[in-house]
C-alpha cells in the first residue's frame, strides 16, 4: 500500500497538478527498479541506490518531457504510452537486464520486514507532505493554472514549457523511488512488472481517489492496492474492476472520492448555515 501510494502521488504531480496526461508512468517505476538492482549487484548499499535511481528516472523523464512539449491532451497520452512499450521492448532484448526471465536473488536492503515496511510508510508520508507543500506553493498555483488553461498562462508570460518539464522531472523521479521499493518488496523484477497494465492501474488509483487531491490519491491508492489482497475474485478480474471504476468515476464523479466528500460537506454545511441564520 505504501509503495502504491508513493507511485500514485508521483503520477498525481504530473496529471493531477499540471494536467499532463501520462499513460507510460510505469516505465519510470521500472527504470528506478532496474537501476537499483543493477547498483545492488555492483555492491552499492541500498540507501545509496535510492537517490541515484531517482536521478536517472528524473533525467529520462525530463527527456520525455522535452519530446512531449509540442503535443497536448490525447496526443500527449499516446506519446507517453509509447514510452512504456519502448521500455518493455528494450528490457526484453537485454540479457544483462534479465531479458524475458527478469531478475531475482539480488542483494536486499538488509532491513527486516517490519523495518522495511516502516521505511516505505515513512517515504510515502514524506512524499505526501512534499506534494501538499508543492500544491500550496506558488509553483502549485502555476501548475493548476496550466492544467486549467495553458493558453491563458502563456498570455500571462508564464514559461509553460519550463513548468511542464519541472512537473515531469519531479513526478518521474518519485516514480523511480517507488521502483526501488518495489524491487525490494517483491525481490523480483521483469518486463511484465512494468507494462502498460501497471500504468492503467496507477491512473485508476489517481482517478478513483480524486485527480489533484493528495488525500484523495492516498485513499485511492491504498484501497485499490489492498482490494486484490482482501478479495481474491478482484485479483482475478483486476483489470475489469479497475476499468469499471474508471468509467463510473469519469461518468458520475470526475473528481473521484475527494469530489464526493467535498460535495457532501458542502450539502451538509448549507442546511446548517440556513438554520443558524
C-alpha atoms as a PDB file:
ATOM      1  CA  UNK A   1       0.000   0.000   0.000  1.00  0.00           C
ATOM      2  CA  UNK A   2       2.784   2.435   0.850  1.00  0.00           C
ATOM      3  CA  UNK A   3       4.560   1.755  -2.445  1.00  0.00           C
ATOM      4  CA  UNK A   4       1.303   2.201  -4.359  1.00  0.00           C
ATOM      5  CA  UNK A   5       0.628   5.478  -2.546  1.00  0.00           C
ATOM      6  CA  UNK A   6       4.107   6.727  -3.416  1.00  0.00           C
ATOM      7  CA  UNK A   7       3.698   5.687  -7.059  1.00  0.00           C
ATOM      8  CA  UNK A   8       0.240   7.266  -7.353  1.00  0.00           C
ATOM      9  CA  UNK A   9       1.427  10.528  -5.784  1.00  0.00           C
ATOM     10  CA  UNK A  10       4.229  10.687  -8.358  1.00  0.00           C
ATOM     11  CA  UNK A  11       1.698  10.453 -11.208  1.00  0.00           C
ATOM     12  CA  UNK A  12      -0.563  12.964  -9.483  1.00  0.00           C
ATOM     13  CA  UNK A  13       2.228  15.547  -9.689  1.00  0.00           C
ATOM     14  CA  UNK A  14       2.136  15.285 -13.482  1.00  0.00           C
ATOM     15  CA  UNK A  15      -1.504  14.522 -14.250  1.00  0.00           C
ATOM     16  CA  UNK A  16      -3.296  15.925 -11.212  1.00  0.00           C
ATOM     17  CA  UNK A  17      -1.316  19.071 -10.546  1.00  0.00           C
ATOM     18  CA  UNK A  18      -0.177  20.031 -14.062  1.00  0.00           C
ATOM     19  CA  UNK A  19      -2.855  18.400 -16.208  1.00  0.00           C
ATOM     20  CA  UNK A  20      -0.400  16.388 -18.333  1.00  0.00           C
ATOM     21  CA  UNK A  21      -1.892  13.005 -19.192  1.00  0.00           C
ATOM     22  CA  UNK A  22       0.719  10.260 -18.834  1.00  0.00           C
ATOM     23  CA  UNK A  23      -0.039   6.664 -19.796  1.00  0.00           C
ATOM     24  CA  UNK A  24       3.550   5.478 -19.586  1.00  0.00           C
ATOM     25  CA  UNK A  25       4.331   6.151 -15.947  1.00  0.00           C
ATOM     26  CA  UNK A  26       5.127   2.518 -15.172  1.00  0.00           C
ATOM     27  CA  UNK A  27       8.251   2.824 -17.339  1.00  0.00           C
ATOM     28  CA  UNK A  28       9.788   5.139 -14.735  1.00  0.00           C
ATOM     29  CA  UNK A  29       8.832   2.734 -11.977  1.00  0.00           C
ATOM     30  CA  UNK A  30      10.796   0.150 -13.941  1.00  0.00           C
ATOM     31  CA  UNK A  31      13.756   2.476 -14.518  1.00  0.00           C
ATOM     32  CA  UNK A  32      14.040   3.020 -10.772  1.00  0.00           C
ATOM     33  CA  UNK A  33      13.728  -0.704 -10.052  1.00  0.00           C
ATOM     34  CA  UNK A  34      16.277  -1.847 -12.623  1.00  0.00           C
ATOM     35  CA  UNK A  35      18.734   0.908 -11.683  1.00  0.00           C
ATOM     36  CA  UNK A  36      18.511  -0.039  -8.027  1.00  0.00           C
ATOM     37  CA  UNK A  37      19.011  -3.745  -8.749  1.00  0.00           C
ATOM     38  CA  UNK A  38      21.999  -3.113 -11.041  1.00  0.00           C
ATOM     39  CA  UNK A  39      23.620  -0.973  -8.356  1.00  0.00           C
ATOM     40  CA  UNK A  40      22.900  -3.542  -5.664  1.00  0.00           C
ATOM     41  CA  UNK A  41      24.513  -6.252  -7.795  1.00  0.00           C
ATOM     42  CA  UNK A  42      27.537  -3.972  -8.119  1.00  0.00           C
ATOM     43  CA  UNK A  43      27.852  -3.779  -4.332  1.00  0.00           C
ATOM     44  CA  UNK A  44      26.296  -0.336  -3.798  1.00  0.00           C
ATOM     45  CA  UNK A  45      24.348  -0.040  -0.492  1.00  0.00           C
ATOM     46  CA  UNK A  46      20.569   0.101  -0.841  1.00  0.00           C
ATOM     47  CA  UNK A  47      20.169   3.607   0.615  1.00  0.00           C
ATOM     48  CA  UNK A  48      22.685   4.951  -1.922  1.00  0.00           C
ATOM     49  CA  UNK A  49      20.709   3.410  -4.792  1.00  0.00           C
ATOM     50  CA  UNK A  50      17.638   5.475  -3.906  1.00  0.00           C
ATOM     51  CA  UNK A  51      18.900   8.957  -4.932  1.00  0.00           C
ATOM     52  CA  UNK A  52      20.777   7.552  -7.949  1.00  0.00           C
ATOM     53  CA  UNK A  53      17.659   5.774  -9.216  1.00  0.00           C
ATOM     54  CA  UNK A  54      15.585   8.907  -8.652  1.00  0.00           C
ATOM     55  CA  UNK A  55      18.125  10.991 -10.554  1.00  0.00           C
ATOM     56  CA  UNK A  56      18.220   8.657 -13.553  1.00  0.00           C
ATOM     57  CA  UNK A  57      14.431   8.328 -13.704  1.00  0.00           C
ATOM     58  CA  UNK A  58      14.113  12.117 -13.423  1.00  0.00           C
ATOM     59  CA  UNK A  59      16.635  12.717 -16.225  1.00  0.00           C
ATOM     60  CA  UNK A  60      14.848  10.306 -18.552  1.00  0.00           C
ATOM     61  CA  UNK A  61      11.542  11.885 -17.529  1.00  0.00           C
ATOM     62  CA  UNK A  62      12.988  15.261 -18.447  1.00  0.00           C
ATOM     63  CA  UNK A  63      13.950  13.913 -21.879  1.00  0.00           C
ATOM     64  CA  UNK A  64      10.454  12.504 -22.376  1.00  0.00           C
ATOM     65  CA  UNK A  65       9.026  15.842 -21.251  1.00  0.00           C
ATOM     66  CA  UNK A  66      11.151  17.692 -23.800  1.00  0.00           C
ATOM     67  CA  UNK A  67       9.932  15.365 -26.542  1.00  0.00           C
ATOM     68  CA  UNK A  68       6.326  15.893 -25.428  1.00  0.00           C
ATOM     69  CA  UNK A  69       6.274  19.690 -25.239  1.00  0.00           C
ATOM     70  CA  UNK A  70       4.720  20.081 -28.673  1.00  0.00           C
ATOM     71  CA  UNK A  71       1.798  17.745 -28.009  1.00  0.00           C
ATOM     72  CA  UNK A  72      -1.211  18.002 -25.704  1.00  0.00           C
ATOM     73  CA  UNK A  73      -4.110  16.004 -24.356  1.00  0.00           C
ATOM     74  CA  UNK A  74      -4.769  12.827 -26.415  1.00  0.00           C
ATOM     75  CA  UNK A  75      -1.526  13.163 -28.377  1.00  0.00           C
ATOM     76  CA  UNK A  76       0.424  13.502 -25.124  1.00  0.00           C
ATOM     77  CA  UNK A  77      -1.259  10.369 -23.791  1.00  0.00           C
ATOM     78  CA  UNK A  78      -0.289   8.427 -26.924  1.00  0.00           C
ATOM     79  CA  UNK A  79       3.296   9.739 -26.773  1.00  0.00           C
ATOM     80  CA  UNK A  80       3.777   8.716 -23.147  1.00  0.00           C
ATOM     81  CA  UNK A  81       2.094   5.375 -23.823  1.00  0.00           C
ATOM     82  CA  UNK A  82       4.796   4.709 -26.389  1.00  0.00           C
ATOM     83  CA  UNK A  83       7.455   5.164 -23.706  1.00  0.00           C
ATOM     84  CA  UNK A  84       6.283   2.173 -21.692  1.00  0.00           C
ATOM     85  CA  UNK A  85       6.189  -0.088 -24.757  1.00  0.00           C
ATOM     86  CA  UNK A  86       9.680   1.102 -25.700  1.00  0.00           C
ATOM     87  CA  UNK A  87      10.983   0.406 -22.185  1.00  0.00           C
ATOM     88  CA  UNK A  88       9.463  -3.082 -22.006  1.00  0.00           C
ATOM     89  CA  UNK A  89      10.735  -3.910 -25.509  1.00  0.00           C
ATOM     90  CA  UNK A  90      14.272  -2.836 -24.655  1.00  0.00           C
ATOM     91  CA  UNK A  91      14.334  -4.770 -21.382  1.00  0.00           C
ATOM     92  CA  UNK A  92      13.122  -7.951 -23.088  1.00  0.00           C
ATOM     93  CA  UNK A  93      16.065  -7.848 -25.506  1.00  0.00           C
ATOM     94  CA  UNK A  94      18.818  -7.182 -22.944  1.00  0.00           C
ATOM     95  CA  UNK A  95      20.264 -10.308 -21.350  1.00  0.00           C
ATOM     96  CA  UNK A  96      22.198  -8.265 -18.779  1.00  0.00           C
ATOM     97  CA  UNK A  97      18.817  -6.963 -17.559  1.00  0.00           C
ATOM     98  CA  UNK A  98      17.424 -10.475 -17.281  1.00  0.00           C
ATOM     99  CA  UNK A  99      15.552 -10.418 -20.574  1.00  0.00           C
ATOM    100  CA  UNK A 100      12.199 -12.189 -20.570  1.00  0.00           C
ATOM    101  CA  UNK A 101      13.000 -14.033 -17.337  1.00  0.00           C
ATOM    102  CA  UNK A 102      13.698 -10.897 -15.292  1.00  0.00           C
ATOM    103  CA  UNK A 103      15.987 -10.621 -12.291  1.00  0.00           C
ATOM    104  CA  UNK A 104      15.766 -12.192  -8.846  1.00  0.00           C
ATOM    105  CA  UNK A 105      18.032 -13.148  -5.995  1.00  0.00           C
ATOM    106  CA  UNK A 106      19.710  -9.749  -5.902  1.00  0.00           C
ATOM    107  CA  UNK A 107      21.045  -8.265  -2.610  1.00  0.00           C
ATOM    108  CA  UNK A 108      18.462  -6.981  -0.180  1.00  0.00           C
ATOM    109  CA  UNK A 109      18.285  -3.746   1.787  1.00  0.00           C
ATOM    110  CA  UNK A 110      19.392  -5.511   4.978  1.00  0.00           C
ATOM    111  CA  UNK A 111      16.212  -4.440   6.753  1.00  0.00           C
ATOM    112  CA  UNK A 112      13.795  -6.829   8.394  1.00  0.00           C
ATOM    113  CA  UNK A 113      10.259  -6.949   7.004  1.00  0.00           C
ATOM    114  CA  UNK A 114       8.820  -4.677   9.729  1.00  0.00           C
ATOM    115  CA  UNK A 115      11.706  -2.232   9.298  1.00  0.00           C
ATOM    116  CA  UNK A 116      11.257  -2.132   5.530  1.00  0.00           C
ATOM    117  CA  UNK A 117       7.505  -1.617   5.954  1.00  0.00           C
ATOM    118  CA  UNK A 118       8.063   1.332   8.292  1.00  0.00           C
ATOM    119  CA  UNK A 119      10.683   2.737   5.920  1.00  0.00           C
ATOM    120  CA  UNK A 120       8.262   2.541   2.989  1.00  0.00           C
ATOM    121  CA  UNK A 121       5.492   4.194   5.030  1.00  0.00           C
ATOM    122  CA  UNK A 122       7.913   6.932   6.103  1.00  0.00           C
ATOM    123  CA  UNK A 123       8.920   7.661   2.495  1.00  0.00           C
ATOM    124  CA  UNK A 124       5.278   7.693   1.364  1.00  0.00           C
ATOM    125  CA  UNK A 125       4.387  10.122   4.163  1.00  0.00           C
ATOM    126  CA  UNK A 126       7.379  12.310   3.304  1.00  0.00           C
ATOM    127  CA  UNK A 127       6.355  12.448  -0.361  1.00  0.00           C
ATOM    128  CA  UNK A 128       2.759  13.243   0.644  1.00  0.00           C
ATOM    129  CA  UNK A 129       3.955  16.201   2.731  1.00  0.00           C
ATOM    130  CA  UNK A 130       6.127  17.332  -0.192  1.00  0.00           C
ATOM    131  CA  UNK A 131       3.156  17.154  -2.572  1.00  0.00           C
ATOM    132  CA  UNK A 132       0.963  19.171  -0.196  1.00  0.00           C
ATOM    133  CA  UNK A 133       3.704  21.782   0.093  1.00  0.00           C
ATOM    134  CA  UNK A 134       4.065  21.986  -3.701  1.00  0.00           C
ATOM    135  CA  UNK A 135       0.300  22.280  -4.193  1.00  0.00           C
ATOM    136  CA  UNK A 136       0.044  25.186  -1.751  1.00  0.00           C
ATOM    137  CA  UNK A 137       3.113  26.999  -3.097  1.00  0.00           C
ATOM    138  CA  UNK A 138       3.327  29.453  -5.977  1.00  0.00           C
ATOM    139  CA  UNK A 139       4.574  26.596  -8.157  1.00  0.00           C
ATOM    140  CA  UNK A 140       1.431  24.634  -7.372  1.00  0.00           C
ATOM    141  CA  UNK A 141      -0.691  27.611  -8.403  1.00  0.00           C
ATOM    142  CA  UNK A 142       1.198  27.807 -11.692  1.00  0.00           C
ATOM    143  CA  UNK A 143       0.708  24.067 -12.218  1.00  0.00           C
ATOM    144  CA  UNK A 144      -3.010  24.477 -11.577  1.00  0.00           C
ATOM    145  CA  UNK A 145      -3.199  27.375 -14.000  1.00  0.00           C
ATOM    146  CA  UNK A 146      -1.517  25.292 -16.707  1.00  0.00           C
ATOM    147  CA  UNK A 147      -3.938  22.442 -16.061  1.00  0.00           C
ATOM    148  CA  UNK A 148      -6.930  24.797 -16.247  1.00  0.00           C
ATOM    149  CA  UNK A 149      -5.953  26.917 -19.261  1.00  0.00           C
ATOM    150  CA  UNK A 150      -2.483  26.617 -20.736  1.00  0.00           C
ATOM    151  CA  UNK A 151      -3.022  29.357 -23.332  1.00  0.00           C
ATOM    152  CA  UNK A 152      -4.045  31.907 -20.703  1.00  0.00           C
ATOM    153  CA  UNK A 153      -0.898  31.176 -18.721  1.00  0.00           C
ATOM    154  CA  UNK A 154       1.170  31.850 -21.831  1.00  0.00           C
ATOM    155  CA  UNK A 155      -0.576  35.196 -22.251  1.00  0.00           C
ATOM    156  CA  UNK A 156       0.355  36.000 -18.642  1.00  0.00           C
ATOM    157  CA  UNK A 157       4.029  35.453 -19.585  1.00  0.00           C
ATOM    158  CA  UNK A 158       4.329  32.196 -17.651  1.00  0.00           C
ATOM    159  CA  UNK A 159       7.060  29.924 -19.018  1.00  0.00           C
ATOM    160  CA  UNK A 160       4.704  26.973 -19.555  1.00  0.00           C
ATOM    161  CA  UNK A 161       7.268  24.545 -21.071  1.00  0.00           C
ATOM    162  CA  UNK A 162       9.591  25.102 -18.122  1.00  0.00           C
ATOM    163  CA  UNK A 163       6.939  24.219 -15.550  1.00  0.00           C
ATOM    164  CA  UNK A 164       5.790  21.212 -17.558  1.00  0.00           C
ATOM    165  CA  UNK A 165       9.347  19.908 -17.503  1.00  0.00           C
ATOM    166  CA  UNK A 166       9.616  20.541 -13.767  1.00  0.00           C
ATOM    167  CA  UNK A 167       6.429  18.521 -13.198  1.00  0.00           C
ATOM    168  CA  UNK A 168       7.693  15.666 -15.391  1.00  0.00           C
ATOM    169  CA  UNK A 169      11.074  15.616 -13.664  1.00  0.00           C
ATOM    170  CA  UNK A 170       9.594  15.594 -10.154  1.00  0.00           C
ATOM    171  CA  UNK A 171       6.919  13.011 -10.935  1.00  0.00           C
ATOM    172  CA  UNK A 172       9.216  10.601 -12.764  1.00  0.00           C
ATOM    173  CA  UNK A 173      11.972  10.842 -10.144  1.00  0.00           C
ATOM    174  CA  UNK A 174       9.470   9.919  -7.426  1.00  0.00           C
ATOM    175  CA  UNK A 175       8.277   7.027  -9.581  1.00  0.00           C
ATOM    176  CA  UNK A 176      11.909   5.894  -9.678  1.00  0.00           C
ATOM    177  CA  UNK A 177      11.957   5.964  -5.875  1.00  0.00           C
ATOM    178  CA  UNK A 178       8.830   3.803  -5.805  1.00  0.00           C
ATOM    179  CA  UNK A 179      10.581   1.409  -8.201  1.00  0.00           C
ATOM    180  CA  UNK A 180      13.442   0.895  -5.744  1.00  0.00           C
ATOM    181  CA  UNK A 181      10.993  -0.098  -3.027  1.00  0.00           C
ATOM    182  CA  UNK A 182       9.037  -2.265  -5.465  1.00  0.00           C
ATOM    183  CA  UNK A 183      12.109  -4.312  -6.348  1.00  0.00           C
ATOM    184  CA  UNK A 184      12.982  -4.830  -2.677  1.00  0.00           C
ATOM    185  CA  UNK A 185       9.453  -5.787  -1.709  1.00  0.00           C
ATOM    186  CA  UNK A 186       8.969  -8.463  -4.377  1.00  0.00           C
ATOM    187  CA  UNK A 187      12.657  -9.427  -4.728  1.00  0.00           C
ATOM    188  CA  UNK A 188      11.934  -9.909  -8.432  1.00  0.00           C
ATOM    189  CA  UNK A 189      11.597  -7.592 -11.418  1.00  0.00           C
ATOM    190  CA  UNK A 190      10.800  -8.408 -15.022  1.00  0.00           C
ATOM    191  CA  UNK A 191       9.458  -6.649 -18.115  1.00  0.00           C
ATOM    192  CA  UNK A 192       5.883  -7.695 -17.339  1.00  0.00           C
ATOM    193  CA  UNK A 193       6.136  -5.982 -13.943  1.00  0.00           C
ATOM    194  CA  UNK A 194       6.213  -2.548 -15.595  1.00  0.00           C
ATOM    195  CA  UNK A 195       3.954  -2.909 -18.608  1.00  0.00           C
ATOM    196  CA  UNK A 196       1.048  -0.799 -19.801  1.00  0.00           C
ATOM    197  CA  UNK A 197      -1.295  -2.502 -17.358  1.00  0.00           C
ATOM    198  CA  UNK A 198       0.627  -1.001 -14.433  1.00  0.00           C
ATOM    199  CA  UNK A 199       0.250   2.475 -15.949  1.00  0.00           C
ATOM    200  CA  UNK A 200      -3.508   1.987 -16.191  1.00  0.00           C
ATOM    201  CA  UNK A 201      -3.608   0.638 -12.640  1.00  0.00           C
ATOM    202  CA  UNK A 202      -1.896   3.692 -11.147  1.00  0.00           C
ATOM    203  CA  UNK A 203      -4.066   6.015 -13.264  1.00  0.00           C
ATOM    204  CA  UNK A 204      -7.126   4.230 -11.850  1.00  0.00           C
ATOM    205  CA  UNK A 205      -5.855   4.928  -8.339  1.00  0.00           C
ATOM    206  CA  UNK A 206      -5.451   8.633  -9.101  1.00  0.00           C
ATOM    207  CA  UNK A 207      -8.842   8.968 -10.792  1.00  0.00           C
ATOM    208  CA  UNK A 208     -10.645   6.938  -8.123  1.00  0.00           C
ATOM    209  CA  UNK A 209      -9.164   8.975  -5.283  1.00  0.00           C
ATOM    210  CA  UNK A 210      -9.503  12.339  -6.993  1.00  0.00           C
ATOM    211  CA  UNK A 211      -7.227  13.883  -9.602  1.00  0.00           C
ATOM    212  CA  UNK A 212      -5.141  16.611  -7.992  1.00  0.00           C
ATOM    213  CA  UNK A 213      -6.160  15.766  -4.412  1.00  0.00           C
ATOM    214  CA  UNK A 214      -3.320  14.476  -2.240  1.00  0.00           C
ATOM    215  CA  UNK A 215      -5.549  12.898   0.458  1.00  0.00           C
ATOM    216  CA  UNK A 216      -7.832  11.504  -2.256  1.00  0.00           C
ATOM    217  CA  UNK A 217      -4.978   9.886  -4.165  1.00  0.00           C
ATOM    218  CA  UNK A 218      -3.593   8.393  -0.947  1.00  0.00           C
ATOM    219  CA  UNK A 219      -7.009   6.885  -0.230  1.00  0.00           C
ATOM    220  CA  UNK A 220      -7.477   5.640  -3.791  1.00  0.00           C
ATOM    221  CA  UNK A 221      -4.043   4.028  -3.947  1.00  0.00           C
ATOM    222  CA  UNK A 222      -4.407   2.400  -0.530  1.00  0.00           C
ATOM    223  CA  UNK A 223      -7.854   0.960  -1.270  1.00  0.00           C
ATOM    224  CA  UNK A 224      -7.216  -0.258  -4.814  1.00  0.00           C
ATOM    225  CA  UNK A 225      -3.884  -1.831  -3.872  1.00  0.00           C
ATOM    226  CA  UNK A 226      -5.464  -3.638  -0.932  1.00  0.00           C
ATOM    227  CA  UNK A 227      -8.640  -4.886  -2.650  1.00  0.00           C
ATOM    228  CA  UNK A 228      -6.981  -7.699  -4.658  1.00  0.00           C
ATOM    229  CA  UNK A 229      -5.339  -8.964  -1.467  1.00  0.00           C
ATOM    230  CA  UNK A 230      -8.578  -8.805   0.517  1.00  0.00           C
ATOM    231  CA  UNK A 231     -10.835 -10.318  -2.140  1.00  0.00           C
ATOM    232  CA  UNK A 232      -9.326 -12.998  -4.372  1.00  0.00           C
ATOM    233  CA  UNK A 233     -12.022 -12.625  -7.018  1.00  0.00           C
ATOM    234  CA  UNK A 234     -10.998  -8.982  -7.517  1.00  0.00           C
ATOM    235  CA  UNK A 235      -7.414 -10.098  -8.041  1.00  0.00           C
ATOM    236  CA  UNK A 236      -8.589 -12.456 -10.786  1.00  0.00           C
ATOM    237  CA  UNK A 237     -10.559  -9.689 -12.532  1.00  0.00           C
ATOM    238  CA  UNK A 238      -8.464  -6.682 -11.524  1.00  0.00           C
ATOM    239  CA  UNK A 239      -8.438  -5.037 -14.938  1.00  0.00           C
ATOM    240  CA  UNK A 240     -12.192  -5.411 -15.286  1.00  0.00           C
ATOM    241  CA  UNK A 241     -12.781  -3.895 -11.832  1.00  0.00           C
ATOM    242  CA  UNK A 242     -10.335  -1.027 -12.361  1.00  0.00           C
ATOM    243  CA  UNK A 243     -11.729  -0.316 -15.827  1.00  0.00           C
ATOM    244  CA  UNK A 244     -15.248  -0.232 -14.420  1.00  0.00           C
ATOM    245  CA  UNK A 245     -14.190   2.134 -11.655  1.00  0.00           C
ATOM    246  CA  UNK A 246     -12.533   4.438 -14.191  1.00  0.00           C
ATOM    247  CA  UNK A 247     -15.709   4.522 -16.285  1.00  0.00           C
ATOM    248  CA  UNK A 248     -18.017   5.121 -13.326  1.00  0.00           C
ATOM    249  CA  UNK A 249     -15.831   7.839 -11.800  1.00  0.00           C
ATOM    250  CA  UNK A 250     -15.348   9.732 -15.051  1.00  0.00           C
ATOM    251  CA  UNK A 251     -19.077   9.484 -15.774  1.00  0.00           C
ATOM    252  CA  UNK A 252     -20.570  10.286 -12.381  1.00  0.00           C
ATOM    253  CA  UNK A 253     -17.783  11.836 -10.283  1.00  0.00           C
ATOM    254  CA  UNK A 254     -14.823  13.164 -12.334  1.00  0.00           C
ATOM    255  CA  UNK A 255     -13.227  14.439  -9.124  1.00  0.00           C
ATOM    256  CA  UNK A 256     -13.226  10.970  -7.581  1.00  0.00           C
ATOM    257  CA  UNK A 257     -13.813  10.155  -3.935  1.00  0.00           C
ATOM    258  CA  UNK A 258     -12.361  13.535  -2.946  1.00  0.00           C
ATOM    259  CA  UNK A 259     -15.033  15.252  -5.047  1.00  0.00           C
ATOM    260  CA  UNK A 260     -17.802  13.188  -3.436  1.00  0.00           C
ATOM    261  CA  UNK A 261     -16.547  14.095   0.042  1.00  0.00           C
ATOM    262  CA  UNK A 262     -16.304  17.793  -0.868  1.00  0.00           C
ATOM    263  CA  UNK A 263     -19.829  17.821  -2.297  1.00  0.00           C
ATOM    264  CA  UNK A 264     -21.190  16.047   0.783  1.00  0.00           C
ATOM    265  CA  UNK A 265     -19.528  18.599   3.069  1.00  0.00           C
ATOM    266  CA  UNK A 266     -20.981  21.458   1.033  1.00  0.00           C
ATOM    267  CA  UNK A 267     -24.516  19.999   1.203  1.00  0.00           C
ATOM    268  CA  UNK A 268     -24.171  19.429   4.950  1.00  0.00           C
ATOM    269  CA  UNK A 269     -22.992  22.980   5.627  1.00  0.00           C
ATOM    270  CA  UNK A 270     -25.737  24.724   3.639  1.00  0.00           C
ATOM    271  CA  UNK A 271     -28.645  23.491   5.813  1.00  0.00           C
ATOM    272  CA  UNK A 272     -26.599  24.162   8.960  1.00  0.00           C
ATOM    273  CA  UNK A 273     -25.905  27.727   7.874  1.00  0.00           C
ATOM    274  CA  UNK A 274     -29.531  28.209   6.882  1.00  0.00           C
ATOM    275  CA  UNK A 275     -30.734  27.010  10.278  1.00  0.00           C
ATOM    276  CA  UNK A 276     -28.290  29.281  12.089  1.00  0.00           C
ATOM    277  CA  UNK A 277     -29.484  32.324  10.170  1.00  0.00           C
END
